[in-house]
Amino acid sequence: VGLEDGKELPDGTVASSNAALTAAAVAIFGASR
């Protein structure tokens, strides 16, 4: 998906870790199903 390539989330905030990115991805893609 490309989230691993950067630390900025879609809303412009910067994630503190890959775990935060993963959590955000799960929330985003989980909500779009």
N, C-alpha and C. Protein backbone atom coordinates (compact mmCIF):
# COMPACT_ATOMS: atom_id res chain seq x y z
N VAL A 1 0.84 -1.20 0.00
CA VAL A 1 0.00 0.00 0.00
C VAL A 1 0.86 1.24 0.00
N GLY A 2 2.07 1.13 0.52
CA GLY A 2 2.98 2.27 0.51
C GLY A 2 3.08 2.97 1.85
N LEU A 3 2.30 2.54 2.85
CA LEU A 3 2.36 3.20 4.14
C LEU A 3 3.71 2.99 4.82
N GLU A 4 4.41 1.91 4.44
CA GLU A 4 5.70 1.64 5.06
C GLU A 4 6.76 2.63 4.58
N ASP A 5 6.48 3.30 3.46
CA ASP A 5 7.48 4.17 2.86
C ASP A 5 7.57 5.53 3.53
N GLY A 6 6.57 5.90 4.28
CA GLY A 6 6.59 7.22 4.91
C GLY A 6 5.93 7.17 6.27
N LYS A 7 6.12 8.25 7.03
CA LYS A 7 5.54 8.27 8.37
C LYS A 7 4.39 9.27 8.46
N GLU A 8 4.00 9.85 7.33
CA GLU A 8 2.88 10.79 7.36
C GLU A 8 1.58 10.06 7.06
N LEU A 9 0.62 10.25 7.91
CA LEU A 9 -0.69 9.65 7.69
C LEU A 9 -1.48 10.52 6.70
N PRO A 10 -2.52 9.96 6.10
CA PRO A 10 -3.31 10.69 5.10
C PRO A 10 -3.83 12.04 5.58
N ASP A 11 -4.03 12.20 6.87
CA ASP A 11 -4.56 13.48 7.36
C ASP A 11 -3.44 14.47 7.66
N GLY A 12 -2.19 14.08 7.38
CA GLY A 12 -1.08 15.02 7.51
C GLY A 12 -0.31 14.90 8.81
N THR A 13 -0.81 14.11 9.75
CA THR A 13 -0.08 13.94 10.99
C THR A 13 1.05 12.93 10.81
N VAL A 14 2.04 13.01 11.66
CA VAL A 14 3.18 12.11 11.56
C VAL A 14 3.07 11.02 12.61
N ALA A 15 3.13 9.79 12.16
CA ALA A 15 3.02 8.66 13.08
C ALA A 15 4.32 8.50 13.85
N SER A 16 4.22 8.07 15.09
CA SER A 16 5.40 7.93 15.92
C SER A 16 6.10 6.60 15.66
N SER A 17 5.42 5.68 15.01
CA SER A 17 6.02 4.37 14.77
C SER A 17 5.27 3.63 13.68
N ASN A 18 5.85 2.53 13.21
CA ASN A 18 5.17 1.72 12.20
C ASN A 18 3.90 1.11 12.77
N ALA A 19 3.87 0.89 14.07
CA ALA A 19 2.67 0.35 14.70
C ALA A 19 1.51 1.32 14.55
N ALA A 20 1.81 2.60 14.69
CA ALA A 20 0.77 3.62 14.53
C ALA A 20 0.28 3.64 13.09
N LEU A 21 1.22 3.49 12.15
CA LEU A 21 0.83 3.45 10.74
C LEU A 21 -0.06 2.24 10.47
N THR A 22 0.32 1.12 11.02
CA THR A 22 -0.47 -0.09 10.83
C THR A 22 -1.87 0.07 11.40
N ALA A 23 -1.94 0.64 12.59
CA ALA A 23 -3.24 0.86 13.22
C ALA A 23 -4.10 1.79 12.38
N ALA A 24 -3.47 2.82 11.83
CA ALA A 24 -4.20 3.77 10.99
C ALA A 24 -4.68 3.08 9.72
N ALA A 25 -3.82 2.25 9.14
CA ALA A 25 -4.19 1.54 7.92
C ALA A 25 -5.36 0.60 8.17
N VAL A 26 -5.32 -0.10 9.29
CA VAL A 26 -6.40 -1.01 9.65
C VAL A 26 -7.70 -0.23 9.82
N ALA A 27 -7.62 0.92 10.46
CA ALA A 27 -8.81 1.74 10.69
C ALA A 27 -9.37 2.25 9.36
N ILE A 28 -8.48 2.73 8.49
CA ILE A 28 -8.90 3.30 7.21
C ILE A 28 -9.50 2.22 6.30
N PHE A 29 -8.74 1.15 6.09
CA PHE A 29 -9.19 0.12 5.17
C PHE A 29 -10.31 -0.72 5.76
N GLY A 30 -10.33 -0.85 7.06
CA GLY A 30 -11.41 -1.58 7.71
C GLY A 30 -12.73 -0.83 7.57
N ALA A 31 -12.67 0.49 7.62
CA ALA A 31 -13.88 1.30 7.53
C ALA A 31 -14.40 1.36 6.10
N SER A 32 -13.51 1.16 5.12
CA SER A 32 -13.92 1.28 3.72
C SER A 32 -14.52 -0.01 3.18
N ARG A 33 -14.51 -1.07 3.96
CA ARG A 33 -15.07 -2.34 3.48
C ARG A 33 -16.58 -2.33 3.57
